[in-house]
N, C-alpha and C. Protein backbone atom coordinates (compact mmCIF):
# COMPACT_ATOMS: atom_id res chain seq x y z
N MET A 1 0.87 -0.79 -0.16
CA MET A 1 -0.24 0.33 -0.31
C MET A 1 0.53 1.45 -0.14
N ASN A 2 0.28 1.83 -0.28
CA ASN A 2 0.63 3.32 -0.57
C ASN A 2 1.20 4.49 0.24
N PRO A 3 1.60 5.18 0.99
CA PRO A 3 1.82 5.92 2.13
C PRO A 3 0.48 6.89 1.76
N GLU A 4 0.30 7.55 0.69
CA GLU A 4 -0.92 8.66 0.64
C GLU A 4 -1.82 8.05 1.40
N ILE A 5 -1.94 6.85 1.11
CA ILE A 5 -2.94 5.94 1.38
C ILE A 5 -3.68 6.09 3.20
N TRP A 6 -1.97 5.74 3.62
CA TRP A 6 -2.07 5.59 5.23
C TRP A 6 -2.08 7.70 5.85
N ILE A 7 -1.45 7.81 5.07
CA ILE A 7 -2.16 9.56 5.51
C ILE A 7 -3.40 9.64 5.46
N LEU A 8 -4.23 8.98 4.29
CA LEU A 8 -5.64 9.99 4.10
C LEU A 8 -6.01 8.70 4.98
N PHE A 9 -5.95 7.99 5.24
CA PHE A 9 -7.05 7.15 6.61
C PHE A 9 -6.77 7.56 7.38
N SER A 10 -5.29 7.69 8.42
CA SER A 10 -5.27 8.26 9.51
C SER A 10 -5.80 9.60 9.37
N ALA A 11 -5.72 10.48 8.50
CA ALA A 11 -6.53 11.62 8.39
C ALA A 11 -7.86 11.64 9.07
N LEU A 12 -8.50 10.03 7.72
CA LEU A 12 -10.02 10.18 8.09
C LEU A 12 -10.34 9.79 9.74
N LEU A 13 -9.66 8.63 10.31
CA LEU A 13 -10.00 8.30 11.45
C LEU A 13 -9.12 9.26 12.52
N VAL A 14 -8.68 10.14 12.82
CA VAL A 14 -8.18 11.36 13.89
C VAL A 14 -9.58 12.25 13.46
N TRP A 15 -10.55 12.71 12.07
CA TRP A 15 -11.08 12.90 12.51
C TRP A 15 -12.87 12.72 12.65
N GLY A 16 -12.38 11.31 12.43
CA GLY A 16 -13.45 10.38 12.85
C GLY A 16 -13.23 10.62 14.11
N VAL A 17 -12.51 10.06 14.95
CA VAL A 17 -12.44 9.80 16.73
C VAL A 17 -12.88 11.62 16.91
N ILE A 18 -11.97 12.57 16.37
CA ILE A 18 -12.54 13.48 17.13
C ILE A 18 -14.11 14.22 16.99
N TRP A 19 -14.77 13.36 15.85
CA TRP A 19 -16.24 13.83 15.22
C TRP A 19 -16.56 12.82 16.53
N ALA A 20 -16.42 11.95 16.58
CA ALA A 20 -17.13 11.18 17.70
C ALA A 20 -16.96 11.74 18.93
N LYS A 21 -15.91 11.71 19.10
CA LYS A 21 -15.97 12.11 20.60
C LYS A 21 -15.67 13.65 21.02
N GLY A 22 -15.53 14.33 19.71
CA GLY A 22 -15.79 15.98 20.47
C GLY A 22 -17.38 17.16 19.84
N ARG A 23 -17.88 15.84 18.88
CA ARG A 23 -19.09 16.33 18.38
C ARG A 23 -19.79 16.94 19.43
N LYS A 24 -20.02 16.03 20.46
CA LYS A 24 -20.98 16.51 21.69
C LYS A 24 -20.92 17.43 22.12
N PRO A 25 -19.09 17.95 22.32
CA PRO A 25 -18.93 18.83 23.36
C PRO A 25 -18.59 20.10 22.46
N LEU A 26 -18.63 20.25 20.76
CA LEU A 26 -18.58 20.89 19.95
C LEU A 26 -20.19 21.60 19.99
N LEU A 27 -20.68 20.87 19.55
CA LEU A 27 -22.24 21.06 19.49
C LEU A 27 -22.68 21.95 20.78
N ASP A 28 -22.10 20.89 22.09
CA ASP A 28 -22.74 21.95 23.17
C ASP A 28 -22.11 23.04 22.82
N ALA A 29 -20.66 23.48 23.29
CA ALA A 29 -20.90 24.28 23.60
C ALA A 29 -21.16 25.57 22.18
N LEU A 30 -21.06 25.57 20.83
CA LEU A 30 -22.22 26.11 19.98
C LEU A 30 -23.51 26.42 19.83
N ASP A 31 -24.62 24.79 20.85
CA ASP A 31 -25.54 25.43 21.69
C ASP A 31 -25.35 26.16 22.56
N SER A 32 -24.93 26.22 23.57
CA SER A 32 -24.58 27.46 24.76
C SER A 32 -24.64 28.47 24.17
N ARG A 33 -23.21 28.84 23.23
CA ARG A 33 -23.02 29.73 22.69
C ARG A 33 -24.26 30.28 22.11
N THR A 34 -24.97 29.27 21.38
CA THR A 34 -25.94 30.33 20.57
C THR A 34 -27.42 30.33 22.04
N ALA A 35 -27.53 29.20 22.56
CA ALA A 35 -28.35 30.21 23.54
C ALA A 35 -27.85 31.78 24.05
N ARG A 36 -26.35 32.12 24.99
CA ARG A 36 -26.38 32.67 25.04
C ARG A 36 -26.65 34.10 24.26
N ILE A 37 -25.86 34.12 22.74
CA ILE A 37 -26.61 35.05 21.94
C ILE A 37 -27.94 35.45 21.72
N LYS A 38 -29.05 34.31 22.29
CA LYS A 38 -29.80 34.54 21.94
C LYS A 38 -30.60 34.92 23.25
N SER A 39 -30.20 34.79 24.14
CA SER A 39 -30.16 35.55 25.54
C SER A 39 -30.54 36.47 25.66
N ASP A 40 -28.74 37.16 24.92
CA ASP A 40 -28.62 38.14 24.93
C ASP A 40 -28.85 39.21 23.88
N LEU A 41 -29.90 38.80 23.04
CA LEU A 41 -30.43 39.86 22.08
C LEU A 41 -31.77 39.66 22.39
N GLU A 42 -32.48 38.81 23.19
CA GLU A 42 -33.74 39.07 23.88
C GLU A 42 -33.59 40.35 25.12
N GLU A 43 -32.41 39.90 26.39
CA GLU A 43 -31.87 41.28 26.77
C GLU A 43 -31.69 42.63 25.84
N ALA A 44 -31.43 42.76 25.09
CA ALA A 44 -31.37 43.32 24.07
C ALA A 44 -32.71 44.34 23.34
N GLU A 45 -33.45 43.57 23.56
CA GLU A 45 -34.95 43.89 23.04
C GLU A 45 -35.39 43.93 24.06
N ARG A 46 -34.92 43.49 25.42
CA ARG A 46 -35.85 43.85 26.41
C ARG A 46 -35.36 45.56 26.91
N LEU A 47 -33.88 45.46 27.10
CA LEU A 47 -33.32 46.73 27.39
C LEU A 47 -34.50 48.05 26.24
N LYS A 48 -34.03 47.61 24.81
CA LYS A 48 -34.76 48.74 23.97
C LYS A 48 -36.21 49.13 24.39
N ALA A 49 -36.37 48.27 24.07
CA ALA A 49 -38.59 48.41 24.54
C ALA A 49 -38.40 49.56 26.03
N GLU A 50 -37.15 49.41 27.32
CA GLU A 50 -37.67 50.24 27.90
C GLU A 50 -37.26 51.67 27.80
N ALA A 51 -35.75 51.74 27.14
CA ALA A 51 -35.19 52.91 26.34
C ALA A 51 -36.23 53.13 25.83
N GLU A 52 -37.42 53.10 25.18
CA GLU A 52 -38.23 53.54 23.94
C GLU A 52 -39.18 54.10 24.75
N GLN A 53 -39.88 53.05 26.01
CA GLN A 53 -40.64 53.74 27.06
C GLN A 53 -39.51 54.58 27.80
N LEU A 54 -39.13 54.79 28.24
CA LEU A 54 -38.24 55.97 28.92
C LEU A 54 -38.30 57.21 28.11
N LEU A 55 -37.83 57.06 26.95
CA LEU A 55 -37.80 57.99 26.01
C LEU A 55 -39.35 58.48 25.52
N ALA A 56 -40.51 57.99 25.50
CA ALA A 56 -41.73 58.08 25.40
C ALA A 56 -42.26 58.97 26.89
N ASP A 57 -41.92 58.28 28.02
CA ASP A 57 -42.23 58.94 29.07
C ASP A 57 -41.56 60.37 29.62
N TYR A 58 -40.45 60.22 28.59
CA TYR A 58 -39.51 62.35 28.72
C TYR A 58 -39.73 62.58 27.81
N LYS A 59 -40.52 62.10 26.35
CA LYS A 59 -40.64 63.10 25.21
C LYS A 59 -42.40 63.82 26.72
N LYS A 60 -43.14 62.56 26.91
CA LYS A 60 -44.69 63.19 27.35
C LYS A 60 -44.25 64.11 28.70
N LYS A 61 -43.32 63.61 29.20
CA LYS A 61 -43.33 64.96 30.30
C LYS A 61 -42.73 66.32 29.59
N GLN A 62 -41.77 66.15 28.47
CA GLN A 62 -41.10 67.59 28.23
C GLN A 62 -42.41 68.44 27.72
N SER A 63 -43.66 67.32 26.91
CA SER A 63 -44.56 68.29 26.65
C SER A 63 -45.26 68.58 27.11
N ASP A 64 -45.39 67.90 28.65
CA ASP A 64 -46.06 68.03 29.41
C ASP A 64 -45.69 69.78 29.80
N ALA A 65 -44.23 69.71 30.08
CA ALA A 65 -43.63 70.70 31.21
C ALA A 65 -43.84 72.35 29.51
N VAL A 66 -44.31 71.38 28.63
CA VAL A 66 -43.86 72.61 27.91
C VAL A 66 -45.40 73.29 27.98
N GLU A 67 -46.34 72.60 27.78
CA GLU A 67 -47.37 73.21 27.98
C GLU A 67 -47.98 73.70 29.32
N THR A 68 -47.42 73.07 30.43
CA THR A 68 -47.31 73.82 31.70
C THR A 68 -46.84 75.24 31.55
N ALA A 69 -45.55 75.32 31.37
CA ALA A 69 -44.63 76.73 30.95
C ALA A 69 -46.05 77.88 29.97
N LYS A 70 -46.41 77.36 28.98
CA LYS A 70 -47.20 78.05 27.94
C LYS A 70 -47.96 78.31 28.86
N LYS A 71 -48.92 77.76 29.46
CA LYS A 71 -49.69 78.07 30.42
C LYS A 71 -49.42 79.24 32.05
N ILE A 72 -48.54 78.68 32.37
CA ILE A 72 -47.45 80.13 33.15
C ILE A 72 -47.84 81.25 32.41
N ILE A 73 -46.64 81.39 31.30
CA ILE A 73 -46.23 82.15 30.19
C ILE A 73 -47.14 83.10 29.77
N ALA A 74 -48.71 82.18 29.66
CA ALA A 74 -49.84 83.34 29.25
C ALA A 74 -50.97 83.97 30.61
N ASN A 75 -50.54 82.73 31.83
CA ASN A 75 -51.01 83.64 33.06
C ASN A 75 -50.80 84.52 33.21
N ALA A 76 -49.08 84.72 33.23
CA ALA A 76 -48.21 85.66 34.15
C ALA A 76 -48.37 87.15 32.81
N GLU A 77 -48.54 86.74 31.39
CA GLU A 77 -49.01 87.81 30.33
C GLU A 77 -50.30 88.54 30.55
N GLU A 78 -51.43 87.39 31.10
CA GLU A 78 -52.73 87.82 31.54
C GLU A 78 -52.86 88.92 33.14
N THR A 79 -51.98 88.15 33.54
CA THR A 79 -51.74 88.95 35.02
C THR A 79 -51.29 90.95 34.95
N VAL A 80 -50.28 90.05 33.61
CA VAL A 80 -49.27 92.06 33.69
C VAL A 80 -50.07 92.55 32.77
N SER A 81 -51.18 92.55 31.91
CA SER A 81 -52.26 93.06 31.47
C SER A 81 -53.23 93.50 32.28
N GLU A 82 -53.73 92.71 32.96
CA GLU A 82 -54.73 92.92 33.88
C GLU A 82 -53.88 94.68 34.81
N MET A 83 -52.84 94.35 35.88
CA MET A 83 -51.97 94.91 36.39
C MET A 83 -51.62 96.42 35.84
N GLN A 84 -51.41 96.34 34.24
CA GLN A 84 -50.65 97.46 33.25
C GLN A 84 -52.47 98.53 33.29
N LYS A 85 -53.36 97.40 32.95
CA LYS A 85 -54.54 98.01 32.59
C LYS A 85 -55.25 99.19 34.30
N LYS A 86 -55.01 97.91 35.42
CA LYS A 86 -55.13 98.96 36.85
C LYS A 86 -54.16 100.14 37.06
N ALA A 87 -53.47 99.64 36.79
CA ALA A 87 -52.08 100.85 37.01
C ALA A 87 -52.87 101.93 36.16
N THR A 88 -52.86 102.06 34.41
CA THR A 88 -53.53 103.12 33.87
C THR A 88 -54.97 103.70 34.91
N GLN A 89 -55.75 102.93 34.63
CA GLN A 89 -57.00 102.94 36.10
C GLN A 89 -56.68 104.08 36.79
N ASP A 90 -55.69 103.43 37.62
CA ASP A 90 -55.59 104.46 39.11
C ASP A 90 -54.52 105.92 38.67
N ILE A 91 -53.64 105.97 37.76
CA ILE A 91 -53.56 106.89 37.53
C ILE A 91 -54.13 108.08 36.70
N ALA A 92 -55.25 107.09 35.94
CA ALA A 92 -56.16 108.19 35.58
C ALA A 92 -57.01 108.68 36.81
N GLU A 93 -57.69 108.04 37.46
CA GLU A 93 -57.93 108.48 38.61
C GLU A 93 -57.98 109.47 39.40
N SER A 94 -56.24 109.24 39.38
CA SER A 94 -55.27 110.38 40.47
C SER A 94 -55.55 110.95 39.80
N LEU A 95 -55.17 111.37 38.28
CA LEU A 95 -54.72 112.84 37.72
C LEU A 95 -55.76 113.45 37.54
N LYS A 96 -56.90 112.63 37.57
CA LYS A 96 -58.43 113.43 37.72
C LYS A 96 -58.77 113.90 38.98
N ARG A 97 -58.49 113.50 40.09
CA ARG A 97 -58.40 113.91 41.34
C ARG A 97 -57.72 115.01 41.89
N HIS A 98 -56.69 114.93 41.03
CA HIS A 98 -55.55 115.86 41.40
C HIS A 98 -56.20 117.32 40.52
N GLU A 99 -56.72 116.80 39.23
CA GLU A 99 -56.91 118.09 38.61
C GLU A 99 -57.92 118.21 39.00
N THR A 100 -59.29 117.85 39.71
CA THR A 100 -60.53 118.40 40.59
C THR A 100 -60.11 119.46 41.81
N MET A 101 -58.53 118.54 42.43
CA MET A 101 -58.13 119.62 43.63
C MET A 101 -57.93 121.07 43.02
N LEU A 102 -57.07 120.73 42.00
CA LEU A 102 -56.48 122.12 41.49
C LEU A 102 -56.73 122.56 40.77
N MET A 103 -58.55 122.92 40.35
CA MET A 103 -59.54 123.46 39.81
C MET A 103 -60.09 124.26 40.45
N GLU A 104 -60.24 123.39 42.41
CA GLU A 104 -60.91 123.56 43.49
C GLU A 104 -59.64 124.72 43.58
N ARG A 105 -58.84 124.74 43.67
CA ARG A 105 -57.58 125.42 44.56
C ARG A 105 -58.19 127.05 43.48
N ILE A 106 -58.19 126.94 42.61
CA ILE A 106 -57.96 127.53 41.24
C ILE A 106 -59.12 128.42 42.09
N SER A 107 -60.38 128.02 41.92
CA SER A 107 -61.73 128.66 41.82
C SER A 107 -61.45 129.05 43.12
N ARG A 108 -61.59 128.76 43.70
CA ARG A 108 -61.47 129.54 45.78
C ARG A 108 -60.00 130.97 45.73
N ALA A 109 -58.88 130.01 44.49
CA ALA A 109 -58.33 131.28 44.72
C ALA A 109 -58.53 132.49 43.68
N GLU A 110 -59.57 132.78 42.77
CA GLU A 110 -59.95 133.61 42.17
C GLU A 110 -61.46 134.15 43.14
N ALA A 111 -62.50 133.31 43.29
CA ALA A 111 -63.17 134.16 44.43
C ALA A 111 -62.74 135.06 45.50
N ALA A 112 -61.69 134.34 46.11
CA ALA A 112 -60.69 135.16 47.25
C ALA A 112 -60.04 136.49 46.52
N ALA A 113 -59.44 136.04 44.95
CA ALA A 113 -58.71 136.98 44.43
C ALA A 113 -60.29 138.36 44.23
N VAL A 114 -60.68 138.05 43.94
CA VAL A 114 -62.56 138.94 43.53
C VAL A 114 -62.66 139.52 45.00
N GLN A 115 -62.68 138.57 46.29
CA GLN A 115 -63.41 139.02 46.56
C GLN A 115 -62.33 140.32 47.85
N GLU A 116 -60.67 140.37 47.17
CA GLU A 116 -59.64 140.66 48.15
C GLU A 116 -59.72 142.66 47.22
N LEU A 117 -60.22 141.88 45.19
CA LEU A 117 -59.87 143.24 44.80
C LEU A 117 -61.45 144.00 45.17
N ARG A 118 -63.11 143.51 45.90
CA ARG A 118 -64.30 144.13 46.10
C ARG A 118 -63.27 144.82 47.54
N HIS A 119 -63.05 144.33 48.26
CA HIS A 119 -62.44 145.30 49.18
C HIS A 119 -61.57 146.24 49.12
N GLN A 120 -60.67 145.64 48.01
CA GLN A 120 -59.78 147.01 47.92
C GLN A 120 -60.41 148.27 46.95
N ALA A 121 -61.41 148.15 46.37
CA ALA A 121 -61.95 148.80 45.63
C ALA A 121 -62.81 149.57 46.57
N ALA A 122 -63.77 148.93 46.94
CA ALA A 122 -64.47 149.41 48.70
C ALA A 122 -63.42 150.53 48.93
N ASP A 123 -62.33 149.73 49.72
CA ASP A 123 -61.58 151.15 50.77
C ASP A 123 -60.81 152.19 49.38
N ILE A 124 -60.87 151.84 47.94
CA ILE A 124 -59.98 152.85 47.39
C ILE A 124 -61.60 153.68 47.64
N ALA A 125 -63.20 153.21 47.12
CA ALA A 125 -63.97 154.70 47.08
C ALA A 125 -64.15 155.01 47.89
N ALA A 126 -63.97 154.78 49.15
CA ALA A 126 -63.98 155.21 50.49
C ALA A 126 -63.25 156.58 51.06
N ALA A 127 -61.77 155.73 50.53
CA ALA A 127 -60.88 157.16 50.15
C ALA A 127 -61.45 158.00 49.48
N ALA A 128 -61.54 157.88 48.43
CA ALA A 128 -62.12 158.68 47.42
C ALA A 128 -63.32 159.51 48.11
N ALA A 129 -64.41 158.65 48.45
CA ALA A 129 -65.16 159.73 48.75
C ALA A 129 -65.12 160.47 50.12
N LYS A 130 -64.13 159.93 51.27
CA LYS A 130 -63.91 160.80 52.16
C LYS A 130 -63.07 161.95 51.53
N HIS A 131 -62.07 161.55 50.69
CA HIS A 131 -61.26 162.65 49.97
C HIS A 131 -62.42 163.85 49.59
N LEU A 132 -63.18 163.19 48.38
CA LEU A 132 -64.31 164.48 47.89
C LEU A 132 -64.97 165.50 49.11
N LEU A 133 -65.46 164.78 50.12
CA LEU A 133 -66.20 164.88 51.01
C LEU A 133 -65.34 165.97 52.12
N VAL A 134 -64.19 165.92 52.32
CA VAL A 134 -63.43 166.37 52.96
C VAL A 134 -63.07 167.66 52.05
N GLY A 135 -62.56 167.54 50.82
CA GLY A 135 -62.41 168.39 49.79
C GLY A 135 -63.84 169.60 49.99
N ALA A 136 -64.93 168.55 49.68
CA ALA A 136 -66.08 169.87 49.31
C ALA A 136 -66.49 170.97 50.78
N MET A 137 -66.11 169.74 51.85
CA MET A 137 -66.55 170.68 53.18
C MET A 137 -65.22 172.13 53.06
N ASP A 138 -64.13 171.62 52.73
CA ASP A 138 -63.28 172.41 53.48
C ASP A 138 -63.79 173.91 51.93
N LYS A 139 -64.25 173.52 50.98
CA LYS A 139 -64.49 174.05 49.76
C LYS A 139 -66.09 175.02 50.68
N HIS A 140 -67.10 174.39 50.36
CA HIS A 140 -68.61 174.83 50.51
C HIS A 140 -69.07 174.27 52.04
N GLY A 141 -68.37 174.02 52.97
CA GLY A 141 -68.56 174.03 54.35
C GLY A 141 -69.32 174.99 55.04
N ASP A 142 -69.15 176.30 55.09
CA ASP A 142 -69.86 176.60 55.71
C ASP A 142 -71.20 177.02 55.02
N LYS A 143 -71.06 177.35 53.53
CA LYS A 143 -72.23 177.30 53.00
C LYS A 143 -73.15 176.18 53.13
N LEU A 144 -72.99 175.13 53.47
CA LEU A 144 -73.91 174.04 53.78
C LEU A 144 -74.59 174.21 55.47
N VAL A 145 -73.68 174.61 55.84
CA VAL A 145 -74.10 174.79 57.34
C VAL A 145 -74.79 175.70 57.57
N ASP A 146 -74.63 176.93 57.17
CA ASP A 146 -75.75 177.76 57.11
C ASP A 146 -77.50 177.98 56.32
N SER A 147 -76.56 176.70 55.01
CA SER A 147 -78.60 176.71 54.74
C SER A 147 -78.91 175.62 55.29
N ALA A 148 -78.25 174.11 56.13
CA ALA A 148 -78.97 173.35 56.56
C ALA A 148 -79.64 174.42 58.40
N ILE A 149 -78.87 174.94 58.80
CA ILE A 149 -79.90 176.29 59.74
C ILE A 149 -81.06 176.78 58.97
N LYS A 150 -80.79 177.10 58.00
CA LYS A 150 -81.76 177.75 57.77
C LYS A 150 -82.95 176.90 56.81
N ASP A 151 -82.92 175.94 56.31
CA ASP A 151 -83.74 174.59 56.20
C ASP A 151 -84.33 173.72 57.47
N LEU A 152 -84.01 174.46 59.17
CA LEU A 152 -83.99 173.79 59.81
C LEU A 152 -85.54 173.68 60.31
N PRO A 153 -86.47 175.49 60.42
CA PRO A 153 -87.24 175.74 60.90
C PRO A 153 -88.23 174.51 59.50
N ARG A 154 -88.13 174.46 58.42
CA ARG A 154 -88.65 173.95 57.39
C ARG A 154 -89.03 172.56 57.73
N ALA A 155 -87.77 171.85 57.92
CA ALA A 155 -88.02 170.70 58.35
C ALA A 155 -88.74 169.69 59.46
N ALA A 156 -88.53 170.70 60.81
CA ALA A 156 -88.88 170.57 61.40
C ALA A 156 -90.51 170.68 61.61
N GLY A 157 -91.00 171.17 61.34
CA GLY A 157 -92.28 171.09 61.16
C GLY A 157 -93.14 171.86 59.94
N GLY A 158 -92.52 172.15 59.82
CA GLY A 158 -93.15 173.76 58.93
C GLY A 158 -93.40 174.63 58.12
């Protein structure tokens, strides 16, 4: 026989022994590796589902937070608007009160000025009348007294 046949036969025999003895551990190792890969894939799917759920939860929380922020901003804008309206109204009322008070003060000042002018006019008229009377009395005083004395009997009875 030929040595190449023996080498072939030996190689087939070694492969046969390895196959007979090593097939089960090799298949078990491959099965365990397949099971581990399958388990890892299932774990990855579970983690992916959890991550998607967390992402959905955070997106929901974010949208809720955005909505809440929008409501807060709208409420704040409404409050500011109301405060501005109230402040404008209060300022207008205050200005109106001040204007009314100033108009009353002006009216009182005008009335006081008119009254003062009347008093001054009366004083000036009285002083002028006194001055005229004194002047007239100096010029015509004796004549008036004499005339009054003459008219006394007529005024007294007749």
